[in-house]
Amino acid sequence: MGKAKKRILHKSNSNLFMTRESAVSKVFSILNNSRNNNRVEADNLITLFGLTAEELSEAGVSYEDLLSFGESFA
């Protein structure tokens, strides 16, 4: 994560602070409660933290869900 992102996250309320691990778990929970309209939020977290498909698959995200994001992964 770049310096600017770190500063922005640290300036925010400590309750809102999110680590990489919590971002992975948040994406996992969003995708497990699929068929809701929060996939945009999941995509935003993936791009903000630079999450890889490998990290998410290790967390338990299904292969089909990973394929649905297509070009979001670096």
N, C-alpha and C. Protein backbone atom coordinates (compact mmCIF):
# COMPACT_ATOMS: atom_id res chain seq x y z
N MET A 1 0.86 -1.17 0.00
CA MET A 1 0.00 0.00 0.00
C MET A 1 0.90 1.23 0.00
N GLY A 2 0.52 2.21 -0.77
CA GLY A 2 1.31 3.42 -0.89
C GLY A 2 1.23 4.32 0.33
N LYS A 3 2.13 5.30 0.39
CA LYS A 3 2.18 6.20 1.53
C LYS A 3 0.89 7.01 1.67
N ALA A 4 0.35 7.47 0.56
CA ALA A 4 -0.85 8.30 0.61
C ALA A 4 -2.03 7.51 1.17
N LYS A 5 -2.20 6.27 0.73
CA LYS A 5 -3.29 5.44 1.24
C LYS A 5 -3.13 5.20 2.73
N LYS A 6 -1.89 4.96 3.18
CA LYS A 6 -1.65 4.74 4.60
C LYS A 6 -2.02 5.97 5.41
N ARG A 7 -1.61 7.15 4.92
CA ARG A 7 -1.94 8.39 5.64
C ARG A 7 -3.44 8.61 5.72
N ILE A 8 -4.13 8.37 4.63
CA ILE A 8 -5.58 8.56 4.61
C ILE A 8 -6.26 7.62 5.58
N LEU A 9 -5.83 6.35 5.58
CA LEU A 9 -6.44 5.38 6.48
C LEU A 9 -6.12 5.68 7.94
N HIS A 10 -4.91 6.17 8.21
CA HIS A 10 -4.55 6.48 9.59
C HIS A 10 -5.22 7.76 10.09
N LYS A 11 -5.52 8.69 9.19
CA LYS A 11 -6.21 9.91 9.59
C LYS A 11 -7.67 9.65 9.94
N SER A 12 -8.22 8.62 9.34
CA SER A 12 -9.64 8.34 9.57
C SER A 12 -9.86 7.83 10.99
N ASN A 13 -11.10 7.71 11.34
CA ASN A 13 -11.48 7.22 12.65
C ASN A 13 -10.88 5.83 12.86
N SER A 14 -10.37 5.57 14.06
CA SER A 14 -9.74 4.28 14.33
C SER A 14 -10.73 3.12 14.19
N ASN A 15 -12.02 3.38 14.36
CA ASN A 15 -13.01 2.33 14.17
C ASN A 15 -13.15 1.94 12.70
N LEU A 16 -12.79 2.86 11.82
CA LEU A 16 -12.91 2.61 10.40
C LEU A 16 -11.64 2.02 9.80
N PHE A 17 -10.57 1.96 10.59
CA PHE A 17 -9.30 1.46 10.08
C PHE A 17 -9.43 0.01 9.65
N MET A 18 -8.90 -0.31 8.49
CA MET A 18 -9.02 -1.66 7.95
C MET A 18 -7.64 -2.16 7.55
N THR A 19 -7.32 -3.36 8.00
CA THR A 19 -6.07 -3.99 7.60
C THR A 19 -6.31 -4.84 6.37
N ARG A 20 -5.23 -5.34 5.81
CA ARG A 20 -5.32 -6.19 4.63
C ARG A 20 -6.11 -7.46 4.95
N GLU A 21 -5.86 -8.04 6.13
CA GLU A 21 -6.56 -9.26 6.52
C GLU A 21 -8.05 -9.01 6.71
N SER A 22 -8.39 -7.88 7.29
CA SER A 22 -9.81 -7.58 7.47
C SER A 22 -10.48 -7.29 6.12
N ALA A 23 -9.71 -6.74 5.17
CA ALA A 23 -10.26 -6.51 3.83
C ALA A 23 -10.55 -7.84 3.14
N VAL A 24 -9.66 -8.82 3.30
CA VAL A 24 -9.88 -10.14 2.70
C VAL A 24 -11.12 -10.78 3.31
N SER A 25 -11.27 -10.68 4.64
CA SER A 25 -12.44 -11.29 5.27
C SER A 25 -13.72 -10.56 4.90
N LYS A 26 -13.64 -9.25 4.71
CA LYS A 26 -14.82 -8.47 4.29
C LYS A 26 -15.25 -8.86 2.88
N VAL A 27 -14.28 -9.03 1.96
CA VAL A 27 -14.60 -9.45 0.60
C VAL A 27 -15.21 -10.84 0.63
N PHE A 28 -14.64 -11.73 1.44
CA PHE A 28 -15.17 -13.09 1.57
C PHE A 28 -16.61 -13.07 2.06
N SER A 29 -16.90 -12.26 3.07
CA SER A 29 -18.27 -12.21 3.60
C SER A 29 -19.24 -11.60 2.59
N ILE A 30 -18.79 -10.61 1.83
CA ILE A 30 -19.64 -10.01 0.80
C ILE A 30 -19.98 -11.04 -0.27
N LEU A 31 -18.98 -11.80 -0.69
CA LEU A 31 -19.20 -12.78 -1.74
C LEU A 31 -19.99 -13.99 -1.25
N ASN A 32 -19.86 -14.33 0.02
CA ASN A 32 -20.65 -15.44 0.56
C ASN A 32 -22.12 -15.05 0.69
N ASN A 33 -22.39 -13.79 0.94
CA ASN A 33 -23.77 -13.30 0.98
C ASN A 33 -24.11 -12.77 -0.40
N SER A 34 -23.76 -13.57 -1.40
CA SER A 34 -23.92 -13.11 -2.78
C SER A 34 -25.38 -12.86 -3.11
N ARG A 35 -25.58 -12.38 -4.28
CA ARG A 35 -26.88 -11.98 -4.81
C ARG A 35 -27.35 -10.69 -4.17
N ASN A 36 -26.43 -10.01 -3.47
CA ASN A 36 -26.75 -8.67 -3.01
C ASN A 36 -25.99 -7.69 -3.90
N ASN A 37 -26.19 -6.44 -3.71
CA ASN A 37 -25.62 -5.44 -4.61
C ASN A 37 -24.34 -4.83 -4.05
N ASN A 38 -23.63 -5.56 -3.19
CA ASN A 38 -22.40 -5.04 -2.61
C ASN A 38 -21.15 -5.50 -3.35
N ARG A 39 -21.32 -6.09 -4.53
CA ARG A 39 -20.15 -6.55 -5.29
C ARG A 39 -19.27 -5.36 -5.70
N VAL A 40 -19.85 -4.20 -5.83
CA VAL A 40 -19.06 -3.00 -6.14
C VAL A 40 -18.14 -2.70 -4.96
N GLU A 41 -18.64 -2.84 -3.75
CA GLU A 41 -17.82 -2.63 -2.56
C GLU A 41 -16.68 -3.65 -2.51
N ALA A 42 -16.97 -4.89 -2.84
CA ALA A 42 -15.93 -5.92 -2.87
C ALA A 42 -14.88 -5.58 -3.92
N ASP A 43 -15.30 -5.14 -5.08
CA ASP A 43 -14.37 -4.76 -6.14
C ASP A 43 -13.52 -3.58 -5.71
N ASN A 44 -14.11 -2.62 -5.01
CA ASN A 44 -13.36 -1.47 -4.52
C ASN A 44 -12.29 -1.89 -3.51
N LEU A 45 -12.63 -2.82 -2.63
CA LEU A 45 -11.66 -3.30 -1.65
C LEU A 45 -10.53 -4.07 -2.33
N ILE A 46 -10.87 -4.84 -3.35
CA ILE A 46 -9.85 -5.61 -4.08
C ILE A 46 -8.85 -4.66 -4.73
N THR A 47 -9.35 -3.62 -5.36
CA THR A 47 -8.45 -2.69 -6.03
C THR A 47 -7.70 -1.79 -5.05
N LEU A 48 -8.34 -1.39 -3.96
CA LEU A 48 -7.68 -0.53 -2.97
C LEU A 48 -6.50 -1.23 -2.33
N PHE A 49 -6.68 -2.47 -1.92
CA PHE A 49 -5.63 -3.19 -1.23
C PHE A 49 -4.77 -4.02 -2.17
N GLY A 50 -5.12 -4.09 -3.44
CA GLY A 50 -4.34 -4.87 -4.39
C GLY A 50 -4.39 -6.36 -4.10
N LEU A 51 -5.56 -6.83 -3.70
CA LEU A 51 -5.71 -8.24 -3.35
C LEU A 51 -5.56 -9.10 -4.60
N THR A 52 -4.96 -10.26 -4.43
CA THR A 52 -4.78 -11.18 -5.54
C THR A 52 -5.81 -12.30 -5.46
N ALA A 53 -6.01 -12.95 -6.58
CA ALA A 53 -6.94 -14.07 -6.63
C ALA A 53 -6.46 -15.19 -5.73
N GLU A 54 -5.16 -15.37 -5.62
CA GLU A 54 -4.61 -16.41 -4.77
C GLU A 54 -4.96 -16.17 -3.30
N GLU A 55 -4.83 -14.92 -2.84
CA GLU A 55 -5.16 -14.59 -1.46
C GLU A 55 -6.63 -14.88 -1.16
N LEU A 56 -7.49 -14.49 -2.09
CA LEU A 56 -8.92 -14.69 -1.87
C LEU A 56 -9.31 -16.16 -1.94
N SER A 57 -8.66 -16.92 -2.82
CA SER A 57 -8.97 -18.35 -2.88
C SER A 57 -8.50 -19.06 -1.63
N GLU A 58 -7.38 -18.64 -1.06
CA GLU A 58 -6.91 -19.21 0.20
C GLU A 58 -7.86 -18.87 1.34
N ALA A 59 -8.55 -17.73 1.23
CA ALA A 59 -9.51 -17.34 2.25
C ALA A 59 -10.83 -18.09 2.11
N GLY A 60 -11.02 -18.75 0.95
CA GLY A 60 -12.23 -19.56 0.78
C GLY A 60 -13.21 -19.07 -0.26
N VAL A 61 -12.84 -18.05 -1.01
CA VAL A 61 -13.72 -17.54 -2.06
C VAL A 61 -13.77 -18.57 -3.19
N SER A 62 -14.94 -18.83 -3.70
CA SER A 62 -15.10 -19.86 -4.74
C SER A 62 -14.48 -19.41 -6.06
N TYR A 63 -14.12 -20.39 -6.87
CA TYR A 63 -13.50 -20.13 -8.16
C TYR A 63 -14.42 -19.34 -9.07
N GLU A 64 -15.71 -19.64 -9.03
CA GLU A 64 -16.67 -18.94 -9.88
C GLU A 64 -16.75 -17.46 -9.52
N ASP A 65 -16.71 -17.17 -8.22
CA ASP A 65 -16.73 -15.76 -7.79
C ASP A 65 -15.48 -15.03 -8.24
N LEU A 66 -14.35 -15.71 -8.18
CA LEU A 66 -13.10 -15.08 -8.63
C LEU A 66 -13.14 -14.79 -10.12
N LEU A 67 -13.69 -15.72 -10.90
CA LEU A 67 -13.78 -15.50 -12.33
C LEU A 67 -14.73 -14.36 -12.68
N SER A 68 -15.73 -14.13 -11.83
CA SER A 68 -16.71 -13.08 -12.12
C SER A 68 -16.08 -11.68 -12.04
N PHE A 69 -14.96 -11.55 -11.33
CA PHE A 69 -14.31 -10.24 -11.24
C PHE A 69 -13.42 -9.95 -12.44
N GLY A 70 -13.03 -10.98 -13.16
CA GLY A 70 -12.29 -10.79 -14.40
C GLY A 70 -11.01 -10.01 -14.26
N GLU A 71 -10.96 -8.79 -14.79
CA GLU A 71 -9.75 -8.00 -14.88
C GLU A 71 -9.43 -7.21 -13.61
N SER A 72 -10.15 -7.40 -12.52
CA SER A 72 -9.89 -6.65 -11.31
C SER A 72 -8.57 -7.02 -10.66
N PHE A 73 -8.11 -8.23 -10.93
CA PHE A 73 -6.90 -8.71 -10.28
C PHE A 73 -5.68 -8.35 -11.10
N ALA A 74 -4.62 -8.00 -10.38
CA ALA A 74 -3.36 -7.62 -11.04
C ALA A 74 -2.61 -8.83 -11.54
